[in-house]
Amino acid sequence: MQFRQRDQFPFCDHYLQHFLAPDMLRQRPQVWDAFRFFCESDSLATDGVTYGRGPLVVIGCAPPGRQGRYWARQKTVFIHPKVALLYEQASLRSSTI
């Protein structure tokens, strides 16, 4: 996945790089098998979660009628800003304790 908002959302960036990396997902066979099933191949699944490749991940609202869905025409995945901001705030609190 590609993420261009790392300066605005550093904790989300770390999450995408670390917890959604192919090697980390393969350690959870049920999750990886389900993801691979929907991607229809191992190579597409690997590309989809390899940082710097695959779809663009954007923190922002999707165009009307497409919320929460993969926007296939532009190969963009949207994450709602409220989810990202809550994750950033929770991560910031736990890292300062």
PDB file of N, CA and C in Angstrom:
ATOM      1  N   MET A   1       0.830  -1.168   0.000  1.00  0.00           N
ATOM      2  CA  MET A   1       0.000   0.000   0.000  1.00  0.00           C
ATOM      3  C   MET A   1       0.879   1.237   0.000  1.00  0.00           C
ATOM      4  N   GLN A   2       0.337   2.292  -0.522  1.00  0.00           N
ATOM      5  CA  GLN A   2       1.050   3.565  -0.551  1.00  0.00           C
ATOM      6  C   GLN A   2       0.360   4.518   0.423  1.00  0.00           C
ATOM      7  N   PHE A   3       1.150   5.255   1.187  1.00  0.00           N
ATOM      8  CA  PHE A   3       0.586   6.176   2.163  1.00  0.00           C
ATOM      9  C   PHE A   3       1.385   7.469   2.101  1.00  0.00           C
ATOM     10  N   ARG A   4       0.726   8.554   1.749  1.00  0.00           N
ATOM     11  CA  ARG A   4       1.417   9.831   1.555  1.00  0.00           C
ATOM     12  C   ARG A   4       1.153  10.836   2.659  1.00  0.00           C
ATOM     13  N   GLN A   5       0.523  10.399   3.741  1.00  0.00           N
ATOM     14  CA  GLN A   5       0.194  11.308   4.831  1.00  0.00           C
ATOM     15  C   GLN A   5       0.964  10.976   6.101  1.00  0.00           C
ATOM     16  N   ARG A   6       2.169  10.429   5.942  1.00  0.00           N
ATOM     17  CA  ARG A   6       2.938   9.981   7.103  1.00  0.00           C
ATOM     18  C   ARG A   6       3.318  11.114   8.040  1.00  0.00           C
ATOM     19  N   ASP A   7       3.484  12.337   7.526  1.00  0.00           N
ATOM     20  CA  ASP A   7       3.825  13.460   8.396  1.00  0.00           C
ATOM     21  C   ASP A   7       2.631  13.875   9.264  1.00  0.00           C
ATOM     22  N   GLN A   8       1.437  13.763   8.727  1.00  0.00           N
ATOM     23  CA  GLN A   8       0.233  14.135   9.463  1.00  0.00           C
ATOM     24  C   GLN A   8      -0.220  13.043  10.428  1.00  0.00           C
ATOM     25  N   PHE A   9       0.025  11.787  10.078  1.00  0.00           N
ATOM     26  CA  PHE A   9      -0.454  10.644  10.857  1.00  0.00           C
ATOM     27  C   PHE A   9       0.681   9.642  11.079  1.00  0.00           C
ATOM     28  N   PRO A  10       1.672   9.993  11.906  1.00  0.00           N
ATOM     29  CA  PRO A  10       2.834   9.108  12.071  1.00  0.00           C
ATOM     30  C   PRO A  10       2.510   7.755  12.698  1.00  0.00           C
ATOM     31  N   PHE A  11       1.562   7.710  13.634  1.00  0.00           N
ATOM     32  CA  PHE A  11       1.225   6.427  14.259  1.00  0.00           C
ATOM     33  C   PHE A  11       0.460   5.522  13.294  1.00  0.00           C
ATOM     34  N   CYS A  12      -0.390   6.110  12.473  1.00  0.00           N
ATOM     35  CA  CYS A  12      -1.082   5.321  11.442  1.00  0.00           C
ATOM     36  C   CYS A  12      -0.069   4.782  10.435  1.00  0.00           C
ATOM     37  N   ASP A  13       0.903   5.605  10.093  1.00  0.00           N
ATOM     38  CA  ASP A  13       1.952   5.171   9.170  1.00  0.00           C
ATOM     39  C   ASP A  13       2.697   3.968   9.743  1.00  0.00           C
ATOM     40  N   HIS A  14       3.058   4.050  11.021  1.00  0.00           N
ATOM     41  CA  HIS A  14       3.749   2.933  11.657  1.00  0.00           C
ATOM     42  C   HIS A  14       2.880   1.678  11.658  1.00  0.00           C
ATOM     43  N   TYR A  15       1.594   1.837  11.941  1.00  0.00           N
ATOM     44  CA  TYR A  15       0.672   0.694  11.944  1.00  0.00           C
ATOM     45  C   TYR A  15       0.633   0.036  10.566  1.00  0.00           C
ATOM     46  N   LEU A  16       0.505   0.854   9.522  1.00  0.00           N
ATOM     47  CA  LEU A  16       0.444   0.304   8.168  1.00  0.00           C
ATOM     48  C   LEU A  16       1.729  -0.424   7.809  1.00  0.00           C
ATOM     49  N   GLN A  17       2.870   0.146   8.182  1.00  0.00           N
ATOM     50  CA  GLN A  17       4.150  -0.474   7.838  1.00  0.00           C
ATOM     51  C   GLN A  17       4.398  -1.757   8.614  1.00  0.00           C
ATOM     52  N   HIS A  18       4.030  -1.756   9.879  1.00  0.00           N
ATOM     53  CA  HIS A  18       4.386  -2.893  10.732  1.00  0.00           C
ATOM     54  C   HIS A  18       3.298  -3.967  10.792  1.00  0.00           C
ATOM     55  N   PHE A  19       2.103  -3.588  11.215  1.00  0.00           N
ATOM     56  CA  PHE A  19       1.067  -4.582  11.490  1.00  0.00           C
ATOM     57  C   PHE A  19       0.373  -5.105  10.232  1.00  0.00           C
ATOM     58  N   LEU A  20       0.412  -4.352   9.145  1.00  0.00           N
ATOM     59  CA  LEU A  20      -0.198  -4.836   7.907  1.00  0.00           C
ATOM     60  C   LEU A  20       0.835  -5.336   6.900  1.00  0.00           C
ATOM     61  N   ALA A  21       2.056  -5.530   7.333  1.00  0.00           N
ATOM     62  CA  ALA A  21       3.092  -6.086   6.464  1.00  0.00           C
ATOM     63  C   ALA A  21       2.748  -7.546   6.157  1.00  0.00           C
ATOM     64  N   PRO A  22       3.088  -8.020   4.966  1.00  0.00           N
ATOM     65  CA  PRO A  22       2.763  -9.407   4.606  1.00  0.00           C
ATOM     66  C   PRO A  22       3.262 -10.436   5.614  1.00  0.00           C
ATOM     67  N   ASP A  23       4.475 -10.255   6.115  1.00  0.00           N
ATOM     68  CA  ASP A  23       5.019 -11.227   7.081  1.00  0.00           C
ATOM     69  C   ASP A  23       4.215 -11.261   8.370  1.00  0.00           C
ATOM     70  N   MET A  24       3.766 -10.096   8.824  1.00  0.00           N
ATOM     71  CA  MET A  24       2.955 -10.046  10.049  1.00  0.00           C
ATOM     72  C   MET A  24       1.590 -10.685   9.814  1.00  0.00           C
ATOM     73  N   LEU A  25       0.983 -10.421   8.670  1.00  0.00           N
ATOM     74  CA  LEU A  25      -0.333 -10.999   8.390  1.00  0.00           C
ATOM     75  C   LEU A  25      -0.267 -12.507   8.205  1.00  0.00           C
ATOM     76  N   ARG A  26       0.836 -12.991   7.667  1.00  0.00           N
ATOM     77  CA  ARG A  26       0.977 -14.442   7.482  1.00  0.00           C
ATOM     78  C   ARG A  26       1.072 -15.174   8.822  1.00  0.00           C
ATOM     79  N   GLN A  27       1.440 -14.466   9.876  1.00  0.00           N
ATOM     80  CA  GLN A  27       1.481 -15.079  11.204  1.00  0.00           C
ATOM     81  C   GLN A  27       0.082 -15.317  11.754  1.00  0.00           C
ATOM     82  N   ARG A  28      -0.912 -14.723  11.120  1.00  0.00           N
ATOM     83  CA  ARG A  28      -2.317 -14.922  11.499  1.00  0.00           C
ATOM     84  C   ARG A  28      -3.008 -15.597  10.316  1.00  0.00           C
ATOM     85  N   PRO A  29      -2.915 -16.942  10.240  1.00  0.00           N
ATOM     86  CA  PRO A  29      -3.378 -17.671   9.053  1.00  0.00           C
ATOM     87  C   PRO A  29      -4.832 -17.408   8.661  1.00  0.00           C
ATOM     88  N   GLN A  30      -5.737 -17.269   9.610  1.00  0.00           N
ATOM     89  CA  GLN A  30      -7.134 -17.032   9.252  1.00  0.00           C
ATOM     90  C   GLN A  30      -7.288 -15.693   8.541  1.00  0.00           C
ATOM     91  N   VAL A  31      -6.606 -14.672   9.043  1.00  0.00           N
ATOM     92  CA  VAL A  31      -6.695 -13.338   8.431  1.00  0.00           C
ATOM     93  C   VAL A  31      -6.058 -13.361   7.050  1.00  0.00           C
ATOM     94  N   TRP A  32      -4.862 -13.942   6.958  1.00  0.00           N
ATOM     95  CA  TRP A  32      -4.147 -13.961   5.681  1.00  0.00           C
ATOM     96  C   TRP A  32      -4.913 -14.785   4.633  1.00  0.00           C
ATOM     97  N   ASP A  33      -5.437 -15.921   5.028  1.00  0.00           N
ATOM     98  CA  ASP A  33      -6.176 -16.761   4.078  1.00  0.00           C
ATOM     99  C   ASP A  33      -7.431 -16.064   3.567  1.00  0.00           C
ATOM    100  N   ALA A  34      -8.130 -15.360   4.450  1.00  0.00           N
ATOM    101  CA  ALA A  34      -9.324 -14.619   4.021  1.00  0.00           C
ATOM    102  C   ALA A  34      -8.945 -13.491   3.074  1.00  0.00           C
ATOM    103  N   PHE A  35      -7.889 -12.750   3.396  1.00  0.00           N
ATOM    104  CA  PHE A  35      -7.442 -11.652   2.543  1.00  0.00           C
ATOM    105  C   PHE A  35      -6.996 -12.183   1.187  1.00  0.00           C
ATOM    106  N   ARG A  36      -6.234 -13.261   1.211  1.00  0.00           N
ATOM    107  CA  ARG A  36      -5.748 -13.866  -0.034  1.00  0.00           C
ATOM    108  C   ARG A  36      -6.911 -14.376  -0.887  1.00  0.00           C
ATOM    109  N   PHE A  37      -7.928 -14.933  -0.248  1.00  0.00           N
ATOM    110  CA  PHE A  37      -9.103 -15.423  -0.963  1.00  0.00           C
ATOM    111  C   PHE A  37      -9.775 -14.284  -1.732  1.00  0.00           C
ATOM    112  N   PHE A  38      -9.950 -13.140  -1.093  1.00  0.00           N
ATOM    113  CA  PHE A  38     -10.617 -12.024  -1.756  1.00  0.00           C
ATOM    114  C   PHE A  38      -9.731 -11.341  -2.793  1.00  0.00           C
ATOM    115  N   CYS A  39      -8.432 -11.437  -2.628  1.00  0.00           N
ATOM    116  CA  CYS A  39      -7.516 -10.887  -3.640  1.00  0.00           C
ATOM    117  C   CYS A  39      -7.357 -11.836  -4.825  1.00  0.00           C
ATOM    118  N   GLU A  40      -7.741 -13.069  -4.671  1.00  0.00           N
ATOM    119  CA  GLU A  40      -7.733 -14.105  -5.694  1.00  0.00           C
ATOM    120  C   GLU A  40      -6.364 -14.672  -6.025  1.00  0.00           C
ATOM    121  N   SER A  41      -5.310 -14.189  -5.371  1.00  0.00           N
ATOM    122  CA  SER A  41      -3.999 -14.806  -5.556  1.00  0.00           C
ATOM    123  C   SER A  41      -3.056 -14.332  -4.452  1.00  0.00           C
ATOM    124  N   ASP A  42      -2.054 -15.138  -4.203  1.00  0.00           N
ATOM    125  CA  ASP A  42      -1.075 -14.793  -3.181  1.00  0.00           C
ATOM    126  C   ASP A  42      -0.273 -13.563  -3.577  1.00  0.00           C
ATOM    127  N   SER A  43       0.088 -13.464  -4.859  1.00  0.00           N
ATOM    128  CA  SER A  43       0.912 -12.328  -5.298  1.00  0.00           C
ATOM    129  C   SER A  43       0.143 -11.009  -5.220  1.00  0.00           C
ATOM    130  N   LEU A  44      -1.146 -11.015  -5.586  1.00  0.00           N
ATOM    131  CA  LEU A  44      -1.946  -9.787  -5.465  1.00  0.00           C
ATOM    132  C   LEU A  44      -2.134  -9.404  -4.004  1.00  0.00           C
ATOM    133  N   ALA A  45      -2.330 -10.383  -3.143  1.00  0.00           N
ATOM    134  CA  ALA A  45      -2.481 -10.107  -1.713  1.00  0.00           C
ATOM    135  C   ALA A  45      -1.192  -9.512  -1.147  1.00  0.00           C
ATOM    136  N   THR A  46      -0.062 -10.075  -1.543  1.00  0.00           N
ATOM    137  CA  THR A  46       1.226  -9.572  -1.064  1.00  0.00           C
ATOM    138  C   THR A  46       1.463  -8.145  -1.552  1.00  0.00           C
ATOM    139  N   ASP A  47       1.192  -7.874  -2.828  1.00  0.00           N
ATOM    140  CA  ASP A  47       1.344  -6.517  -3.357  1.00  0.00           C
ATOM    141  C   ASP A  47       0.417  -5.527  -2.656  1.00  0.00           C
ATOM    142  N   GLY A  48      -0.779  -5.979  -2.309  1.00  0.00           N
ATOM    143  CA  GLY A  48      -1.764  -5.108  -1.694  1.00  0.00           C
ATOM    144  C   GLY A  48      -1.365  -4.587  -0.333  1.00  0.00           C
ATOM    145  N   VAL A  49      -0.553  -5.336   0.388  1.00  0.00           N
ATOM    146  CA  VAL A  49      -0.149  -4.902   1.724  1.00  0.00           C
ATOM    147  C   VAL A  49       1.346  -4.629   1.845  1.00  0.00           C
ATOM    148  N   THR A  50       2.063  -4.638   0.741  1.00  0.00           N
ATOM    149  CA  THR A  50       3.478  -4.286   0.767  1.00  0.00           C
ATOM    150  C   THR A  50       3.594  -2.769   0.738  1.00  0.00           C
ATOM    151  N   TYR A  51       4.266  -2.207   1.741  1.00  0.00           N
ATOM    152  CA  TYR A  51       4.380  -0.756   1.855  1.00  0.00           C
ATOM    153  C   TYR A  51       5.145  -0.202   0.652  1.00  0.00           C
ATOM    154  N   GLY A  52       4.561   0.807   0.002  1.00  0.00           N
ATOM    155  CA  GLY A  52       5.175   1.418  -1.170  1.00  0.00           C
ATOM    156  C   GLY A  52       4.663   0.868  -2.487  1.00  0.00           C
ATOM    157  N   ARG A  53       3.826  -0.162  -2.441  1.00  0.00           N
ATOM    158  CA  ARG A  53       3.242  -0.753  -3.647  1.00  0.00           C
ATOM    159  C   ARG A  53       1.744  -0.872  -3.455  1.00  0.00           C
ATOM    160  N   GLY A  54       1.047  -1.235  -4.490  1.00  0.00           N
ATOM    161  CA  GLY A  54      -0.390  -1.492  -4.368  1.00  0.00           C
ATOM    162  C   GLY A  54      -1.231  -0.239  -4.270  1.00  0.00           C
ATOM    163  N   PRO A  55      -2.410  -0.351  -3.641  1.00  0.00           N
ATOM    164  CA  PRO A  55      -3.363   0.757  -3.614  1.00  0.00           C
ATOM    165  C   PRO A  55      -2.894   1.904  -2.721  1.00  0.00           C
ATOM    166  N   LEU A  56      -3.435   3.065  -2.989  1.00  0.00           N
ATOM    167  CA  LEU A  56      -3.158   4.253  -2.189  1.00  0.00           C
ATOM    168  C   LEU A  56      -4.109   4.258  -0.994  1.00  0.00           C
ATOM    169  N   VAL A  57      -3.562   4.433   0.197  1.00  0.00           N
ATOM    170  CA  VAL A  57      -4.374   4.549   1.410  1.00  0.00           C
ATOM    171  C   VAL A  57      -4.482   6.032   1.729  1.00  0.00           C
ATOM    172  N   VAL A  58      -5.720   6.519   1.848  1.00  0.00           N
ATOM    173  CA  VAL A  58      -5.964   7.942   2.099  1.00  0.00           C
ATOM    174  C   VAL A  58      -6.811   8.084   3.355  1.00  0.00           C
ATOM    175  N   ILE A  59      -6.355   8.949   4.248  1.00  0.00           N
ATOM    176  CA  ILE A  59      -7.181   9.284   5.399  1.00  0.00           C
ATOM    177  C   ILE A  59      -8.006  10.490   4.980  1.00  0.00           C
ATOM    178  N   GLY A  60      -9.276  10.259   4.830  1.00  0.00           N
ATOM    179  CA  GLY A  60     -10.197  11.285   4.359  1.00  0.00           C
ATOM    180  C   GLY A  60     -11.512  10.621   4.009  1.00  0.00           C
ATOM    181  N   CYS A  61     -12.491  11.426   3.714  1.00  0.00           N
ATOM    182  CA  CYS A  61     -13.810  10.890   3.384  1.00  0.00           C
ATOM    183  C   CYS A  61     -13.862  10.481   1.914  1.00  0.00           C
ATOM    184  N   ALA A  62     -14.455   9.345   1.681  1.00  0.00           N
ATOM    185  CA  ALA A  62     -14.646   8.860   0.312  1.00  0.00           C
ATOM    186  C   ALA A  62     -15.732   9.695  -0.360  1.00  0.00           C
ATOM    187  N   PRO A  63     -15.725   9.741  -1.669  1.00  0.00           N
ATOM    188  CA  PRO A  63     -16.792  10.443  -2.375  1.00  0.00           C
ATOM    189  C   PRO A  63     -18.157   9.865  -1.985  1.00  0.00           C
ATOM    190  N   PRO A  64     -19.204  10.667  -2.037  1.00  0.00           N
ATOM    191  CA  PRO A  64     -20.535  10.202  -1.630  1.00  0.00           C
ATOM    192  C   PRO A  64     -20.928   8.884  -2.294  1.00  0.00           C
ATOM    193  N   GLY A  65     -21.497   8.010  -1.488  1.00  0.00           N
ATOM    194  CA  GLY A  65     -21.965   6.722  -1.992  1.00  0.00           C
ATOM    195  C   GLY A  65     -20.911   5.631  -1.968  1.00  0.00           C
ATOM    196  N   ARG A  66     -19.690   5.937  -1.588  1.00  0.00           N
ATOM    197  CA  ARG A  66     -18.603   4.950  -1.609  1.00  0.00           C
ATOM    198  C   ARG A  66     -17.961   4.738  -0.237  1.00  0.00           C
ATOM    199  N   GLN A  67     -18.534   5.267   0.835  1.00  0.00           N
ATOM    200  CA  GLN A  67     -17.906   5.162   2.150  1.00  0.00           C
ATOM    201  C   GLN A  67     -17.629   3.724   2.545  1.00  0.00           C
ATOM    202  N   GLY A  68     -16.413   3.512   3.055  1.00  0.00           N
ATOM    203  CA  GLY A  68     -16.047   2.198   3.549  1.00  0.00           C
ATOM    204  C   GLY A  68     -15.773   1.167   2.479  1.00  0.00           C
ATOM    205  N   ARG A  69     -15.721   1.560   1.240  1.00  0.00           N
ATOM    206  CA  ARG A  69     -15.505   0.588   0.162  1.00  0.00           C
ATOM    207  C   ARG A  69     -14.215   0.902  -0.597  1.00  0.00           C
ATOM    208  N   TYR A  70     -13.731  -0.120  -1.248  1.00  0.00           N
ATOM    209  CA  TYR A  70     -12.558   0.038  -2.100  1.00  0.00           C
ATOM    210  C   TYR A  70     -12.985   0.780  -3.357  1.00  0.00           C
ATOM    211  N   TRP A  71     -12.337   1.878  -3.630  1.00  0.00           N
ATOM    212  CA  TRP A  71     -12.705   2.703  -4.771  1.00  0.00           C
ATOM    213  C   TRP A  71     -11.904   2.213  -5.973  1.00  0.00           C
ATOM    214  N   ALA A  72     -12.444   1.243  -6.675  1.00  0.00           N
ATOM    215  CA  ALA A  72     -11.704   0.471  -7.677  1.00  0.00           C
ATOM    216  C   ALA A  72     -11.165   1.314  -8.825  1.00  0.00           C
ATOM    217  N   ARG A  73     -11.892   2.308  -9.251  1.00  0.00           N
ATOM    218  CA  ARG A  73     -11.451   3.075 -10.415  1.00  0.00           C
ATOM    219  C   ARG A  73     -10.085   3.730 -10.167  1.00  0.00           C
ATOM    220  N   GLN A  74      -9.861   4.227  -8.979  1.00  0.00           N
ATOM    221  CA  GLN A  74      -8.595   4.908  -8.697  1.00  0.00           C
ATOM    222  C   GLN A  74      -7.687   4.099  -7.780  1.00  0.00           C
ATOM    223  N   LYS A  75      -8.100   2.861  -7.456  1.00  0.00           N
ATOM    224  CA  LYS A  75      -7.324   1.985  -6.581  1.00  0.00           C
ATOM    225  C   LYS A  75      -6.922   2.711  -5.300  1.00  0.00           C
ATOM    226  N   THR A  76      -7.939   3.213  -4.622  1.00  0.00           N
ATOM    227  CA  THR A  76      -7.744   3.972  -3.398  1.00  0.00           C
ATOM    228  C   THR A  76      -8.587   3.366  -2.278  1.00  0.00           C
ATOM    229  N   VAL A  77      -7.974   3.243  -1.110  1.00  0.00           N
ATOM    230  CA  VAL A  77      -8.667   2.781   0.079  1.00  0.00           C
ATOM    231  C   VAL A  77      -8.777   3.974   1.020  1.00  0.00           C
ATOM    232  N   PHE A  78      -9.999   4.255   1.490  1.00  0.00           N
ATOM    233  CA  PHE A  78     -10.217   5.393   2.365  1.00  0.00           C
ATOM    234  C   PHE A  78     -10.372   4.943   3.812  1.00  0.00           C
ATOM    235  N   ILE A  79      -9.741   5.683   4.713  1.00  0.00           N
ATOM    236  CA  ILE A  79      -9.912   5.490   6.148  1.00  0.00           C
ATOM    237  C   ILE A  79     -10.536   6.774   6.666  1.00  0.00           C
ATOM    238  N   HIS A  80     -11.611   6.653   7.400  1.00  0.00           N
ATOM    239  CA  HIS A  80     -12.302   7.836   7.900  1.00  0.00           C
ATOM    240  C   HIS A  80     -11.373   8.630   8.836  1.00  0.00           C
ATOM    241  N   PRO A  81     -11.354   9.950   8.705  1.00  0.00           N
ATOM    242  CA  PRO A  81     -10.467  10.773   9.535  1.00  0.00           C
ATOM    243  C   PRO A  81     -10.699  10.595  11.036  1.00  0.00           C
ATOM    244  N   LYS A  82     -11.928  10.359  11.453  1.00  0.00           N
ATOM    245  CA  LYS A  82     -12.197  10.206  12.877  1.00  0.00           C
ATOM    246  C   LYS A  82     -11.489   8.971  13.442  1.00  0.00           C
ATOM    247  N   VAL A  83     -11.482   7.897  12.682  1.00  0.00           N
ATOM    248  CA  VAL A  83     -10.789   6.673  13.108  1.00  0.00           C
ATOM    249  C   VAL A  83      -9.294   6.947  13.234  1.00  0.00           C
ATOM    250  N   ALA A  84      -8.722   7.599  12.238  1.00  0.00           N
ATOM    251  CA  ALA A  84      -7.283   7.887  12.252  1.00  0.00           C
ATOM    252  C   ALA A  84      -6.915   8.825  13.397  1.00  0.00           C
ATOM    253  N   LEU A  85      -7.709   9.855  13.615  1.00  0.00           N
ATOM    254  CA  LEU A  85      -7.412  10.804  14.686  1.00  0.00           C
ATOM    255  C   LEU A  85      -7.525  10.144  16.057  1.00  0.00           C
ATOM    256  N   LEU A  86      -8.518   9.303  16.254  1.00  0.00           N
ATOM    257  CA  LEU A  86      -8.633   8.587  17.524  1.00  0.00           C
ATOM    258  C   LEU A  86      -7.443   7.656  17.744  1.00  0.00           C
ATOM    259  N   TYR A  87      -6.993   6.995  16.687  1.00  0.00           N
ATOM    260  CA  TYR A  87      -5.820   6.120  16.805  1.00  0.00           C
ATOM    261  C   TYR A  87      -4.578   6.931  17.137  1.00  0.00           C
ATOM    262  N   GLU A  88      -4.407   8.061  16.469  1.00  0.00           N
ATOM    263  CA  GLU A  88      -3.254   8.930  16.745  1.00  0.00           C
ATOM    264  C   GLU A  88      -3.274   9.410  18.197  1.00  0.00           C
ATOM    265  N   GLN A  89      -4.419   9.836  18.692  1.00  0.00           N
ATOM    266  CA  GLN A  89      -4.520  10.338  20.064  1.00  0.00           C
ATOM    267  C   GLN A  89      -4.255   9.234  21.079  1.00  0.00           C
ATOM    268  N   ALA A  90      -4.813   8.056  20.864  1.00  0.00           N
ATOM    269  CA  ALA A  90      -4.605   6.939  21.783  1.00  0.00           C
ATOM    270  C   ALA A  90      -3.143   6.507  21.773  1.00  0.00           C
ATOM    271  N   SER A  91      -2.527   6.483  20.613  1.00  0.00           N
ATOM    272  CA  SER A  91      -1.122   6.088  20.506  1.00  0.00           C
ATOM    273  C   SER A  91      -0.216   7.118  21.166  1.00  0.00           C
ATOM    274  N   LEU A  92      -0.548   8.394  21.010  1.00  0.00           N
ATOM    275  CA  LEU A  92       0.235   9.460  21.610  1.00  0.00           C
ATOM    276  C   LEU A  92       0.152   9.382  23.130  1.00  0.00           C
ATOM    277  N   ARG A  93      -1.031   9.117  23.672  1.00  0.00           N
ATOM    278  CA  ARG A  93      -1.193   9.001  25.123  1.00  0.00           C
ATOM    279  C   ARG A  93      -0.397   7.832  25.663  1.00  0.00           C
ATOM    280  N   SER A  94      -0.456   6.696  24.992  1.00  0.00           N
ATOM    281  CA  SER A  94       0.243   5.523  25.520  1.00  0.00           C
ATOM    282  C   SER A  94       1.756   5.628  25.350  1.00  0.00           C
ATOM    283  N   SER A  95       2.227   6.408  24.381  1.00  0.00           N
ATOM    284  CA  SER A  95       3.681   6.528  24.194  1.00  0.00           C
ATOM    285  C   SER A  95       4.288   7.534  25.173  1.00  0.00           C
ATOM    286  N   THR A  96       3.480   8.407  25.767  1.00  0.00           N
ATOM    287  CA  THR A  96       4.010   9.397  26.702  1.00  0.00           C
ATOM    288  C   THR A  96       3.919   8.911  28.149  1.00  0.00           C
ATOM    289  N   ILE A  97       3.268   7.782  28.372  1.00  0.00           N
ATOM    290  CA  ILE A  97       3.133   7.273  29.749  1.00  0.00           C
ATOM    291  C   ILE A  97       4.366   6.511  30.140  1.00  0.00           C
TER     292      ILE A  97
END
